[in-house]
Protein backbone atom coordinates (compact mmCIF):
# COMPACT_ATOMS: atom_id res chain seq x y z
CA MET A 1 -21.66 -46.58 -39.71
CA LEU A 2 -18.80 -46.84 -42.36
CA LYS A 3 -18.96 -42.89 -42.50
CA LYS A 4 -18.54 -42.67 -38.80
CA VAL A 5 -15.36 -45.24 -38.76
CA PHE A 6 -14.03 -43.79 -41.95
CA PRO A 7 -14.97 -40.02 -42.06
CA PHE A 8 -13.13 -39.49 -45.46
CA LEU A 9 -16.03 -41.30 -47.07
CA VAL A 10 -18.03 -38.18 -46.45
CA TRP A 11 -15.96 -35.83 -48.48
CA LEU A 12 -14.19 -38.10 -50.80
CA PRO A 13 -16.90 -38.37 -53.41
CA TRP A 14 -17.03 -34.81 -54.28
CA ALA A 15 -13.13 -34.08 -53.83
CA LYS A 16 -13.04 -34.45 -57.43
CA HIS A 17 -15.08 -31.28 -58.13
CA THR A 18 -12.42 -29.44 -56.01
CA LEU A 19 -9.27 -31.20 -57.30
CA LYS A 20 -7.92 -28.01 -59.08
CA ASP A 21 -8.12 -25.89 -55.72
CA ASP A 22 -6.74 -28.74 -53.56
CA LEU A 23 -4.00 -29.27 -55.90
CA ILE A 24 -2.75 -25.66 -55.87
CA ALA A 25 -3.27 -25.42 -51.92
CA GLY A 26 -1.25 -28.66 -51.65
CA ILE A 27 1.66 -27.36 -53.76
CA THR A 28 1.70 -23.99 -51.57
CA GLY A 29 1.70 -26.14 -48.44
CA THR A 30 4.58 -28.16 -49.68
CA ILE A 31 6.77 -25.09 -50.29
CA ILE A 32 5.75 -23.70 -46.81
CA VAL A 33 6.56 -26.81 -44.78
CA ILE A 34 10.06 -27.42 -46.22
CA PRO A 35 11.81 -24.82 -43.94
CA GLN A 36 9.59 -25.27 -41.07
CA ALA A 37 10.19 -29.17 -41.08
CA VAL A 38 14.02 -28.40 -40.70
CA ALA A 39 13.51 -25.90 -37.85
CA PHE A 40 10.98 -27.67 -35.80
CA ALA A 41 12.98 -31.07 -35.78
CA MET A 42 16.06 -29.14 -34.76
CA ILE A 43 13.86 -27.59 -31.88
CA ALA A 44 12.85 -31.16 -30.79
CA GLY A 45 16.55 -32.25 -30.77
CA LEU A 46 16.15 -34.53 -33.68
CA PRO A 47 17.95 -34.52 -37.24
CA PRO A 48 16.23 -32.26 -39.68
CA ILE A 49 15.11 -35.56 -41.62
CA TYR A 50 12.68 -36.25 -39.12
CA GLY A 51 10.82 -33.13 -39.59
CA PHE A 52 10.14 -34.04 -43.02
CA TYR A 53 8.94 -37.58 -41.90
CA THR A 54 6.59 -36.01 -39.67
CA ALA A 55 5.30 -33.72 -42.41
CA MET A 56 4.82 -36.41 -44.72
CA ILE A 57 3.04 -39.18 -42.55
CA THR A 58 1.02 -37.16 -39.95
CA PRO A 59 -1.04 -34.90 -42.35
CA ILE A 60 -2.40 -37.69 -44.42
CA VAL A 61 -3.94 -39.73 -41.30
CA ALA A 62 -5.17 -36.68 -39.67
CA ALA A 63 -6.84 -35.44 -42.84
CA LEU A 64 -8.60 -38.87 -43.57
CA PHE A 65 -9.74 -39.19 -39.98
CA GLY A 66 -10.38 -35.80 -38.43
CA SER A 67 -13.23 -33.62 -38.86
CA SER A 68 -11.56 -30.21 -40.02
CA TYR A 69 -11.39 -29.75 -43.75
CA HIS A 70 -8.63 -27.28 -43.52
CA LEU A 71 -6.48 -28.21 -40.55
CA ILE A 72 -2.92 -29.33 -41.47
CA SER A 73 -1.15 -31.56 -38.88
CA GLY A 74 2.53 -32.15 -38.58
CA PRO A 75 5.67 -30.78 -36.84
CA THR A 76 4.86 -27.60 -34.73
CA THR A 77 7.00 -25.23 -32.45
CA ALA A 78 5.06 -25.97 -29.40
CA ILE A 79 4.98 -29.82 -29.73
CA SER A 80 8.62 -29.78 -30.75
CA ILE A 81 9.62 -27.96 -27.49
CA VAL A 82 7.37 -30.19 -25.52
CA VAL A 83 8.96 -33.32 -26.91
CA TYR A 84 12.37 -31.96 -26.15
CA THR A 85 11.75 -30.94 -22.62
CA THR A 86 10.19 -34.22 -21.81
CA LEU A 87 13.03 -36.53 -23.28
CA ILE A 88 15.86 -34.43 -22.17
CA LYS A 89 15.21 -35.39 -18.65
CA PHE A 90 16.02 -38.91 -19.37
CA ILE A 91 18.58 -38.77 -22.17
CA ASN A 92 20.82 -36.29 -23.95
CA PRO A 93 20.78 -36.19 -27.77
CA GLU A 94 24.33 -35.10 -28.07
CA THR A 95 25.51 -38.22 -26.31
CA ASP A 96 23.11 -40.58 -27.47
CA LEU A 97 21.24 -39.55 -30.53
CA GLU A 98 19.91 -42.97 -31.42
CA GLY A 99 18.44 -43.63 -27.90
CA PHE A 100 16.96 -39.95 -28.08
CA ILE A 101 15.29 -40.81 -31.30
CA SER A 102 13.94 -44.27 -30.11
CA LEU A 103 12.26 -42.47 -26.96
CA ALA A 104 10.92 -39.86 -29.17
CA LEU A 105 9.01 -42.49 -31.05
CA VAL A 106 7.64 -44.20 -27.85
CA LEU A 107 6.47 -40.83 -26.69
CA THR A 108 4.82 -40.13 -30.05
CA PHE A 109 2.87 -43.48 -29.92
CA LEU A 110 1.77 -43.13 -26.19
CA ALA A 111 0.56 -39.47 -26.91
CA GLY A 112 -1.36 -40.80 -29.98
CA PHE A 113 -2.76 -43.70 -27.88
CA PHE A 114 -4.04 -41.18 -25.18
CA GLN A 115 -5.61 -38.95 -27.92
CA PHE A 116 -7.33 -41.88 -29.55
CA VAL A 117 -8.85 -43.15 -26.25
CA MET A 118 -10.02 -39.90 -25.45
CA GLY A 119 -11.72 -39.66 -28.79
CA LEU A 120 -13.52 -43.11 -28.20
CA LEU A 121 -14.67 -42.06 -24.83
CA ARG A 122 -16.15 -39.03 -26.43
CA MET A 123 -14.20 -36.58 -24.37
CA GLY A 124 -14.27 -33.97 -27.54
CA LYS A 125 -16.94 -32.16 -25.84
CA LEU A 126 -14.34 -30.83 -23.58
CA VAL A 127 -13.14 -28.45 -26.26
CA ASN A 128 -16.82 -26.91 -26.29
CA PHE A 129 -15.55 -25.02 -23.15
CA VAL A 130 -13.18 -23.36 -25.27
CA SER A 131 -15.10 -19.86 -25.83
CA HIS A 132 -15.28 -17.93 -29.03
CA SER A 133 -13.34 -15.05 -27.44
CA VAL A 134 -10.62 -17.54 -26.55
CA ILE A 135 -10.23 -18.65 -30.20
CA ILE A 136 -10.22 -14.99 -31.58
CA GLY A 137 -7.41 -14.10 -28.92
CA PHE A 138 -5.52 -17.07 -29.54
CA THR A 139 -5.66 -16.63 -33.39
CA ALA A 140 -4.66 -12.98 -33.12
CA GLY A 141 -1.85 -13.43 -30.91
CA ALA A 142 -0.51 -16.51 -32.86
CA GLY A 143 -0.65 -14.50 -36.04
CA ILE A 144 1.33 -11.89 -34.73
CA LEU A 145 3.72 -14.22 -33.19
CA ILE A 146 4.24 -16.18 -36.44
CA ALA A 147 4.82 -12.76 -38.20
CA PHE A 148 7.51 -11.62 -35.73
CA LYS A 149 9.20 -15.02 -35.82
CA GLN A 150 9.88 -14.38 -39.48
CA LEU A 151 11.51 -11.02 -39.08
CA LYS A 152 14.85 -12.50 -39.07
CA HIS A 153 14.28 -13.83 -42.54
CA VAL A 154 12.97 -10.64 -43.74
CA PHE A 155 15.89 -8.54 -42.59
CA GLY A 156 18.36 -11.03 -42.84
CA MET A 157 19.64 -10.77 -39.34
CA ASP A 158 20.92 -13.68 -37.09
CA ILE A 159 18.30 -13.13 -34.34
CA PRO A 160 18.81 -15.45 -31.50
CA GLN A 161 16.64 -18.68 -31.71
CA GLY A 162 13.84 -18.71 -29.05
CA SER A 163 13.85 -14.62 -28.65
CA SER A 164 10.54 -13.06 -27.45
CA ILE A 165 8.88 -10.29 -29.23
CA PHE A 166 10.44 -7.58 -27.03
CA GLU A 167 13.66 -9.22 -27.80
CA ILE A 168 13.21 -9.44 -31.53
CA VAL A 169 12.27 -5.65 -31.76
CA SER A 170 15.03 -4.73 -29.45
CA TYR A 171 17.54 -6.73 -31.65
CA ILE A 172 16.37 -5.32 -35.13
CA PHE A 173 16.53 -1.61 -33.62
CA SER A 174 19.95 -2.24 -32.13
CA ASN A 175 21.49 -3.95 -35.27
CA ILE A 176 19.52 -2.04 -38.08
CA SER A 177 22.77 -1.27 -39.81
CA GLU A 178 23.13 -5.19 -40.25
CA THR A 179 20.00 -5.17 -42.32
CA ASN A 180 20.58 -6.99 -45.68
CA TRP A 181 18.77 -4.90 -47.96
CA ASN A 182 18.77 -7.60 -50.94
CA ILE A 183 17.00 -10.04 -48.30
CA LEU A 184 14.71 -7.22 -47.34
CA MET A 185 13.80 -6.46 -50.90
CA VAL A 186 12.89 -10.03 -51.73
CA ALA A 187 10.64 -10.35 -48.37
CA LEU A 188 8.96 -7.14 -49.14
CA GLY A 189 8.59 -7.91 -52.78
CA THR A 190 6.90 -11.29 -52.25
CA PHE A 191 4.62 -9.68 -49.51
CA LEU A 192 3.66 -6.92 -51.82
CA ILE A 193 2.98 -9.08 -54.76
CA ALA A 194 0.90 -11.53 -52.71
CA LEU A 195 -1.15 -8.58 -51.36
CA LEU A 196 -1.62 -6.95 -54.52
CA ILE A 197 -2.75 -10.26 -56.52
CA LYS A 198 -4.97 -11.01 -53.51
CA ARG A 199 -6.62 -7.50 -53.54
CA PHE A 200 -6.72 -6.55 -57.19
CA VAL A 201 -6.13 -9.57 -59.46
CA LYS A 202 -9.49 -11.50 -58.60
CA VAL A 203 -8.87 -14.24 -61.28
CA LEU A 204 -5.61 -15.09 -59.64
CA SER A 205 -6.54 -14.37 -55.96
CA ARG A 206 -6.67 -18.08 -54.94
CA TYR A 207 -3.17 -18.69 -56.16
CA TYR A 208 -1.61 -15.41 -54.92
CA MET A 209 0.68 -17.19 -52.44
CA LEU A 210 2.24 -19.59 -54.84
CA ILE A 211 2.69 -16.91 -57.59
CA ALA A 212 4.29 -14.81 -55.16
CA MET A 213 6.75 -17.29 -53.97
CA VAL A 214 7.67 -18.11 -57.50
CA LEU A 215 8.02 -14.36 -58.28
CA GLY A 216 9.97 -13.92 -55.16
CA SER A 217 12.52 -16.82 -55.99
CA VAL A 218 12.85 -15.05 -59.49
CA LEU A 219 13.62 -11.72 -57.58
CA ALA A 220 16.15 -13.24 -55.47
CA LEU A 221 17.97 -14.69 -58.54
CA LEU A 222 18.08 -11.47 -60.20
CA LEU A 223 19.49 -9.68 -57.02
CA GLY A 224 22.22 -12.15 -57.13
CA GLY A 225 20.96 -15.13 -55.10
CA GLU A 226 23.20 -16.50 -52.51
CA THR A 227 26.20 -14.44 -53.72
CA SER A 228 24.14 -11.61 -52.35
CA GLY A 229 23.46 -13.11 -49.13
CA ILE A 230 19.95 -14.46 -50.02
CA GLU A 231 19.83 -17.79 -48.12
CA THR A 232 17.98 -20.52 -49.45
CA VAL A 233 16.37 -23.66 -47.72
CA GLY A 234 19.46 -25.48 -48.65
CA LYS A 235 20.17 -28.85 -49.74
CA LEU A 236 17.32 -31.45 -48.79
CA PRO A 237 17.40 -35.08 -47.87
CA SER A 238 16.01 -37.50 -50.69
CA ASN A 239 14.53 -40.43 -49.04
CA LEU A 240 11.02 -41.82 -47.78
CA PRO A 241 10.23 -42.50 -44.19
CA PRO A 242 11.41 -45.94 -42.95
CA PHE A 243 9.34 -48.31 -41.17
CA ARG A 244 10.45 -48.61 -37.62
CA VAL A 245 8.58 -50.18 -34.66
CA PRO A 246 8.56 -48.07 -31.49
CA ASP A 247 10.35 -49.66 -28.49
CA LEU A 248 7.18 -50.20 -26.46
CA SER A 249 8.83 -51.75 -23.38
CA VAL A 250 7.35 -51.58 -19.90
CA ASN A 251 10.14 -49.42 -18.66
CA ASN A 252 9.65 -46.89 -21.62
CA ILE A 253 5.91 -46.82 -21.04
CA GLN A 254 6.36 -46.14 -17.29
CA LEU A 255 9.06 -43.60 -18.13
CA LEU A 256 7.14 -41.56 -20.69
CA SER A 257 3.34 -41.99 -19.82
CA SER A 258 3.03 -38.77 -17.84
CA GLY A 259 4.81 -36.73 -20.42
CA ALA A 260 2.78 -38.36 -23.13
CA MET A 261 -0.33 -37.38 -21.35
CA VAL A 262 0.66 -33.79 -21.17
CA LEU A 263 1.77 -33.77 -24.70
CA ALA A 264 -1.64 -35.43 -25.82
CA LEU A 265 -3.72 -32.71 -24.04
CA LEU A 266 -1.65 -29.94 -25.35
CA GLY A 267 -1.72 -31.37 -28.96
CA LEU A 268 -5.47 -31.71 -28.91
CA ILE A 269 -6.06 -28.31 -27.57
CA GLU A 270 -3.82 -26.79 -30.27
CA ALA A 271 -5.33 -28.96 -32.95
CA VAL A 272 -9.05 -28.34 -32.10
CA ALA A 273 -8.40 -24.62 -31.39
CA ILE A 274 -6.96 -24.15 -34.83
CA GLY A 275 -9.53 -26.02 -36.50
CA ARG A 276 -12.25 -24.04 -34.68
CA SER A 277 -10.47 -20.65 -35.61
CA ILE A 278 -10.70 -21.48 -39.29
CA ALA A 279 -14.23 -22.78 -38.92
CA LEU A 280 -15.10 -19.14 -37.90
CA HIS A 281 -14.74 -18.31 -41.46
CA THR A 282 -15.62 -21.37 -43.52
CA HIS A 283 -18.69 -22.03 -41.04
CA GLN A 284 -17.85 -25.76 -40.97
CA ARG A 285 -19.03 -27.93 -37.89
CA ILE A 286 -15.96 -29.28 -36.16
CA ASP A 287 -16.52 -32.52 -34.38
CA GLY A 288 -14.28 -32.61 -31.33
CA ASN A 289 -14.40 -36.50 -30.86
CA GLN A 290 -13.56 -37.18 -34.33
CA GLU A 291 -10.66 -34.74 -34.23
CA PHE A 292 -9.31 -36.49 -31.08
CA ILE A 293 -9.41 -39.83 -32.93
CA GLY A 294 -7.86 -38.14 -36.06
CA GLN A 295 -4.77 -36.77 -34.11
CA GLY A 296 -4.45 -39.94 -32.08
CA LEU A 297 -4.29 -42.03 -35.13
CA SER A 298 -2.17 -39.75 -36.91
CA ASN A 299 0.63 -39.83 -34.05
CA MET A 300 0.11 -43.58 -33.55
CA ILE A 301 0.61 -44.66 -37.15
CA ALA A 302 3.37 -41.95 -37.76
CA SER A 303 5.44 -43.27 -34.86
CA PHE A 304 5.83 -46.70 -36.89
CA PHE A 305 7.28 -44.46 -39.91
CA SER A 306 10.14 -42.51 -38.01
CA SER A 307 7.83 -39.47 -37.19
CA TYR A 308 7.79 -37.58 -33.93
CA ALA A 309 4.64 -36.10 -32.46
CA GLY A 310 2.72 -33.69 -34.39
CA SER A 311 -0.26 -31.55 -34.15
CA GLY A 312 -2.26 -28.86 -36.10
CA SER A 313 -0.08 -25.97 -37.43
CA PHE A 314 -1.26 -22.52 -37.37
CA THR A 315 0.91 -21.42 -40.19
CA ARG A 316 0.26 -24.52 -42.71
CA SER A 317 -3.39 -24.58 -41.86
CA GLY A 318 -3.81 -20.62 -42.47
CA VAL A 319 -1.83 -21.04 -45.51
CA ASN A 320 -3.96 -24.05 -46.56
CA HIS A 321 -7.14 -22.20 -46.04
CA GLN A 322 -6.00 -18.87 -47.70
CA ALA A 323 -4.58 -20.68 -50.55
CA GLY A 324 -8.08 -21.98 -51.61
CA ALA A 325 -8.37 -25.57 -50.17
CA ARG A 326 -11.68 -26.99 -50.33
CA THR A 327 -11.29 -30.42 -49.03
CA PRO A 328 -8.69 -32.60 -46.64
CA MET A 329 -7.20 -33.77 -50.00
CA SER A 330 -5.05 -30.57 -50.04
CA ALA A 331 -3.43 -32.12 -46.93
CA VAL A 332 -2.72 -35.40 -48.67
CA PHE A 333 -1.43 -33.60 -51.82
CA ALA A 334 0.95 -31.56 -49.74
CA SER A 335 2.54 -34.72 -48.19
CA ILE A 336 2.60 -36.38 -51.56
CA PHE A 337 4.26 -33.39 -53.22
CA LEU A 338 6.81 -33.34 -50.45
CA MET A 339 7.57 -36.86 -51.04
CA VAL A 340 8.10 -36.43 -54.74
CA VAL A 341 10.16 -33.02 -53.90
CA LEU A 342 12.59 -34.82 -51.94
CA LEU A 343 12.90 -37.74 -54.13
CA ALA A 344 13.05 -36.04 -57.53
CA PHE A 345 13.45 -32.27 -57.43
CA ALA A 346 15.19 -31.66 -53.92
CA GLN A 347 17.93 -29.81 -56.16
CA TYR A 348 15.48 -27.22 -57.44
CA ALA A 349 13.44 -26.87 -54.40
CA SER A 350 16.73 -25.98 -52.37
CA PHE A 351 16.62 -22.59 -54.33
CA LEU A 352 13.74 -21.23 -52.53
CA PRO A 353 14.74 -18.00 -50.78
CA LYS A 354 14.05 -18.07 -47.03
CA ALA A 355 13.21 -14.41 -47.37
CA ALA A 356 10.33 -15.10 -49.91
CA MET A 357 9.04 -17.77 -47.36
CA GLY A 358 9.35 -14.97 -44.47
CA GLY A 359 7.32 -12.32 -46.60
CA ILE A 360 4.39 -14.86 -47.14
CA ILE A 361 4.26 -16.13 -43.65
CA VAL A 362 3.95 -12.39 -42.40
CA LEU A 363 1.21 -11.82 -44.55
CA VAL A 364 -0.46 -15.12 -43.31
CA GLY A 365 0.25 -14.06 -39.83
CA TYR A 366 -1.55 -10.65 -40.59
CA ASN A 367 -4.59 -12.46 -42.05
CA LEU A 368 -5.12 -14.62 -38.83
CA ILE A 369 -5.95 -11.41 -36.99
CA ASP A 370 -9.78 -11.32 -37.06
CA PHE A 371 -10.56 -7.53 -36.71
CA HIS A 372 -14.13 -7.79 -37.43
CA HIS A 373 -14.91 -10.05 -34.44
CA ILE A 374 -12.37 -8.37 -32.17
CA LYS A 375 -14.43 -4.99 -32.79
CA GLN A 376 -17.67 -7.05 -31.94
CA VAL A 377 -16.27 -8.56 -28.81
CA TYR A 378 -15.19 -5.04 -27.76
CA LYS A 379 -18.53 -3.35 -28.30
CA SER A 380 -20.58 -6.28 -26.86
CA SER A 381 -19.02 -7.57 -23.63
CA GLY A 382 -16.53 -6.39 -21.26
CA ARG A 383 -15.89 -9.86 -19.75
CA GLU A 384 -15.39 -11.42 -23.22
CA LEU A 385 -13.06 -8.52 -23.93
CA ILE A 386 -11.01 -9.49 -20.79
CA VAL A 387 -10.90 -13.33 -21.94
CA LEU A 388 -9.67 -12.26 -25.34
CA GLY A 389 -6.99 -10.08 -23.91
CA ILE A 390 -5.83 -12.50 -21.43
CA THR A 391 -5.60 -15.04 -24.44
CA PHE A 392 -4.04 -12.67 -26.89
CA PHE A 393 -1.32 -11.38 -24.55
CA GLY A 394 -0.61 -14.70 -23.01
CA THR A 395 -0.16 -16.20 -26.51
CA LEU A 396 2.26 -13.22 -27.31
CA PHE A 397 4.35 -13.38 -24.06
CA PHE A 398 4.00 -16.82 -22.70
CA ASP A 399 3.88 -20.31 -23.72
CA LEU A 400 0.78 -21.09 -26.32
CA GLU A 401 -0.44 -23.83 -24.04
CA PHE A 402 -0.38 -21.40 -21.04
CA ALA A 403 -2.27 -18.67 -23.02
CA LEU A 404 -5.19 -21.34 -23.96
CA LEU A 405 -5.44 -22.54 -20.56
CA ALA A 406 -5.53 -19.20 -18.93
CA GLY A 407 -8.08 -18.13 -21.50
CA ILE A 408 -10.14 -21.22 -20.73
CA LEU A 409 -10.07 -20.59 -16.91
CA ALA A 410 -11.00 -16.92 -17.35
CA SER A 411 -13.95 -18.06 -19.43
CA PHE A 412 -14.81 -20.31 -16.59
CA PHE A 413 -14.48 -17.87 -13.96
CA PHE A 414 -16.61 -15.36 -15.74
CA TYR A 415 -19.26 -18.28 -16.48
CA MET A 416 -19.22 -19.30 -12.72
CA GLU A 417 -19.61 -15.71 -11.76
CA ARG A 418 -22.70 -15.28 -13.82
CA THR A 419 -24.37 -18.60 -13.09
CA SER A 420 -23.80 -18.17 -9.28
CA LYS A 421 -25.80 -15.13 -9.24
CA PRO A 422 -29.15 -16.09 -10.65
CA ASN A 423 -31.80 -13.40 -11.23
CA ILE A 424 -34.51 -13.40 -8.59
CA ALA A 425 -37.71 -11.63 -9.81
CA VAL A 426 -40.53 -10.63 -7.35
CA LEU A 427 -43.81 -11.41 -9.14
CA ALA A 428 -46.90 -9.26 -8.77
CA LEU A 429 -50.42 -8.95 -10.25
CA ASP A 430 -51.03 -6.13 -12.95
CA LYS A 431 -54.11 -4.56 -13.96
CA ASN A 432 -54.71 -7.13 -16.55
CA LYS A 433 -54.47 -9.84 -13.91
CA ARG A 434 -50.93 -11.08 -15.15
CA LEU A 435 -48.26 -12.13 -12.86
CA ILE A 436 -45.10 -9.98 -13.95
CA ASN A 437 -41.75 -9.00 -12.75
CA ARG A 438 -42.80 -6.04 -10.35
CA ILE A 439 -39.93 -3.75 -11.52
CA ARG A 440 -41.76 -3.41 -14.80
CA ASP A 441 -44.85 -2.11 -13.40
CA GLU A 442 -44.67 -0.33 -9.96
CA SER A 443 -48.64 -0.30 -9.73
CA SER A 444 -48.83 -4.05 -9.61
CA ILE A 445 -49.74 -5.69 -6.24
CA GLU A 446 -48.61 -8.59 -4.20
CA CYS A 447 -50.65 -10.65 -1.83
CA SER A 448 -49.82 -9.76 1.77
CA ASN A 449 -49.53 -13.49 2.81
CA LEU A 450 -47.71 -14.92 -0.14
CA LYS A 451 -44.50 -13.95 -1.68
CA ILE A 452 -44.00 -15.25 -5.38
CA VAL A 453 -40.63 -15.11 -6.86
CA ARG A 454 -39.16 -16.52 -10.09
CA ILE A 455 -35.72 -17.79 -10.09
CA ASP A 456 -33.88 -17.41 -13.51
CA GLY A 457 -31.12 -19.80 -13.18
CA SER A 458 -30.14 -23.33 -11.91
CA LEU A 459 -29.57 -24.24 -8.30
CA TYR A 460 -26.05 -25.68 -7.82
CA PHE A 461 -23.26 -25.32 -5.18
CA GLY A 462 -22.20 -21.96 -6.91
CA SER A 463 -25.61 -20.26 -6.65
CA ILE A 464 -26.71 -21.44 -3.25
CA GLU A 465 -25.44 -18.39 -1.42
CA LYS A 466 -27.31 -15.83 -3.21
CA ILE A 467 -30.53 -17.56 -3.00
CA SER A 468 -29.77 -18.51 0.84
CA ASN A 469 -29.31 -14.79 1.46
CA TYR A 470 -32.56 -13.71 -0.25
CA LEU A 471 -34.63 -16.37 1.54
CA SER A 472 -32.84 -15.55 4.86
CA TYR A 473 -33.90 -11.66 4.43
CA LEU A 474 -37.49 -12.85 3.77
CA TYR A 475 -37.25 -15.01 7.00
CA ASP A 476 -35.60 -12.38 9.19
CA LYS A 477 -37.00 -9.12 8.05
CA ASN A 478 -40.50 -9.87 6.45
CA GLN A 479 -43.68 -11.23 7.90
CA ILE A 480 -44.29 -13.20 4.95
CA LYS A 481 -44.96 -16.92 6.03
CA HIS A 482 -45.51 -18.65 2.47
CA VAL A 483 -43.23 -18.37 -0.48
CA LEU A 484 -43.90 -19.69 -4.00
CA ILE A 485 -41.03 -20.21 -6.26
CA ALA A 486 -41.92 -19.90 -9.88
CA ALA A 487 -39.32 -22.76 -11.10
CA ASP A 488 -39.75 -22.73 -14.82
CA GLY A 489 -36.28 -21.07 -15.13
CA ILE A 490 -34.56 -23.83 -13.11
CA ASN A 491 -32.82 -26.22 -15.29
CA PHE A 492 -31.19 -28.34 -12.68
CA ILE A 493 -30.63 -28.92 -9.10
CA ASP A 494 -27.47 -30.57 -8.09
CA LEU A 495 -26.60 -32.42 -4.78
CA ALA A 496 -25.35 -29.71 -2.72
CA ALA A 497 -28.34 -27.56 -3.77
CA ALA A 498 -30.92 -30.46 -2.88
CA GLU A 499 -29.41 -30.67 0.60
CA TRP A 500 -29.41 -27.06 1.43
CA LEU A 501 -32.85 -26.73 0.03
CA THR A 502 -34.31 -29.54 2.06
CA ASN A 503 -32.84 -27.90 5.18
CA GLU A 504 -34.35 -24.59 4.13
CA ILE A 505 -37.86 -25.80 3.45
CA LEU A 506 -37.87 -27.75 6.72
CA LYS A 507 -36.77 -24.49 8.59
CA TRP A 508 -39.75 -22.59 7.02
CA GLN A 509 -42.35 -25.64 7.60
CA ARG A 510 -41.14 -25.72 11.37
CA ASN A 511 -41.18 -21.98 12.12
CA ARG A 512 -43.12 -20.29 9.39
CA GLY A 513 -45.66 -21.80 6.73
CA GLY A 514 -43.45 -23.23 3.86
CA ILE A 515 -41.81 -22.84 0.69
CA TYR A 516 -43.30 -24.28 -2.56
CA PHE A 517 -42.62 -24.78 -6.22
CA ALA A 518 -44.67 -24.25 -9.36
CA GLY A 519 -43.66 -25.69 -12.64
CA LEU A 520 -40.40 -27.27 -11.73
CA LYS A 521 -39.10 -29.26 -14.69
CA LEU A 522 -39.02 -33.11 -14.32
CA VAL A 523 -35.18 -32.96 -15.13
CA SER A 524 -34.79 -30.58 -12.33
CA GLN A 525 -36.50 -32.97 -9.85
CA ASP A 526 -34.03 -35.82 -10.76
CA VAL A 527 -31.54 -35.35 -7.88
CA ILE A 528 -34.48 -34.60 -5.27
CA LEU A 529 -36.03 -37.91 -6.21
CA LYS A 530 -33.37 -40.27 -6.50
CA GLY A 531 -31.61 -38.92 -3.47
CA GLY A 532 -34.64 -39.33 -1.34
CA PHE A 533 -35.04 -35.45 -0.43
CA ILE A 534 -38.68 -35.46 -1.48
CA ASP A 535 -39.43 -37.82 1.45
CA LYS A 536 -38.09 -35.29 3.94
CA MET A 537 -39.52 -31.95 2.32
CA GLY A 538 -42.80 -33.58 1.26
CA SER A 539 -44.27 -33.94 -2.32
CA LYS A 540 -47.14 -31.70 -1.48
CA ILE A 541 -45.07 -28.66 -1.89
CA PHE A 542 -44.72 -29.06 -5.77
CA PHE A 543 -47.40 -27.86 -8.14
CA LYS A 544 -47.85 -27.90 -11.85
CA ASP A 545 -48.45 -24.36 -12.36
CA LYS A 546 -48.58 -21.16 -10.44
CA LYS A 547 -52.57 -20.91 -10.58
CA THR A 548 -53.11 -24.32 -8.92
CA ALA A 549 -50.27 -23.30 -6.44
CA ILE A 550 -51.80 -20.27 -5.31
CA GLY A 551 -55.18 -21.73 -4.83
CA GLU A 552 -53.84 -24.69 -2.60
CA ILE A 553 -51.53 -22.21 -0.59
CA HIS A 554 -54.25 -20.00 0.20
CA LYS A 555 -56.24 -22.83 1.73
CA LEU A 556 -53.24 -23.17 4.50
CA ILE A 557 -53.23 -19.60 5.12
CA ASP A 558 -54.66 -18.82 8.47
CA GLN A 559 -54.96 -14.98 8.43
CA PRO A 560 -56.71 -12.50 6.16
CA CYS A 561 -55.09 -10.89 3.25
CA SER A 562 -54.73 -7.07 3.36
CA GLU A 563 -56.55 -6.77 0.04
CA LYS A 564 -58.11 -9.16 -2.50
CA VAL A 565 -55.10 -9.73 -4.83
CA PHE A 566 -56.07 -13.20 -6.01
CA GLU A 567 -59.67 -14.52 -6.09
CA GLU A 568 -58.43 -16.93 -3.41
CA CYS A 569 -57.63 -14.08 -1.03
CA LYS A 570 -59.71 -13.86 2.18
CA VAL A 571 -60.19 -10.33 3.43
């Protein structure tokens, strides 16, 4: 019970054996988050310091109470945009910054509260409907998006904030003469150093990012540093998150509840999608309910320490995994190191070149593209390839949330399409006296008075049409009076199907012979029994197995069979 309430008790005892790996990953994550925290806070309409507060508090709580060993939470682009667009409807940060900050903390608490409650209600299973292809497409698209967003730091160009991929490419080609070659050399140098160490220096491969960033910084100094136009992350603030109680007044709750729910849902989709995408490589089992609880607690607690809403970060989670993290302690280390950096080493950390950061993040983005699984999807399933493509291109050219939802909806569409067309196999007796699918053996024979069919799929509102059309064909075009359904493959029958089935059976009983079932599972009979449908259709139409059913049905047949297929046939 304690491990369920405090999931960190599962991995904490053996974290001491992975301390070195987690320490290196934590240091790397600290360096990565510094420029991101500034940028994301500004996107959210908040002072840069609030990005650091979020990057300090949120990851620790999410790591301790979440389920993914590699997911790093904190400020993200998508969540920052949603925070700004939600709050700007009510208050302008340029005219009332303090009020804007106050509402941001309330919004964060409410979003976390909704996430936490959803986790307690065990709604984490909802993420199981996010298919494998959606995750692969989302990961690949996000990887490319992350890489392209860093090109302004790679080329040293002033690319407008919020530019699309097409706009970024167009801007670079139109202004290629403005390229700062010193910056480009630092970015490419860092990128190549990281790539070479990872590929060829196996001893240092786990630390390739940290080494590359340090050497990239040295290269920047050799090229002249800021005097050559190589921009650094700049002066950093040097104070820890202050305690501040969110203003949870009735008016604020009513004002922000709907926006907080949207923020909560989007944050959960983002976090779990990232956790699952990394789990494809680590083979770790992600508990959706626990992740909901972890994300909820992280936002609720962080709101009391001047932090705004956070979620899982693709960039930092990817870096964390690729840097060799083994347990969530890497996230804790990253947050602690960030606090130490801001308190004691702010003046040194400020020398980190943005170009070196850009080179590393471009490599991280490339590594997020899972070429192996993309090729596998391409070869195995056209439908899954469409789902992957919708999510991939949606991620590139639309909002991340829209891309995920579009991919999920596409998955649902194809799932519904498949399940709405259950296979209906006609069974006949072969020379070995076995009932088999007739298309497998054309010499197999059927009883002239009894049609035996097997339905492979459940009976629900979506599949009624196909089964209804088939039975209507037998009723109108065939002289068969009795139909036996081999129901071993029917997993459930819903209310709509039970109502239709009752009317269909009564029609056959009035005008023909009847419809019967053999081997229908007890769980499939649940709605029929509880809904009282069995009283209308009669319990005598259900049989334990096909042999018993064939014998009993032949007792009801009042005309001779054309040939003796079964022992019970009368010729």
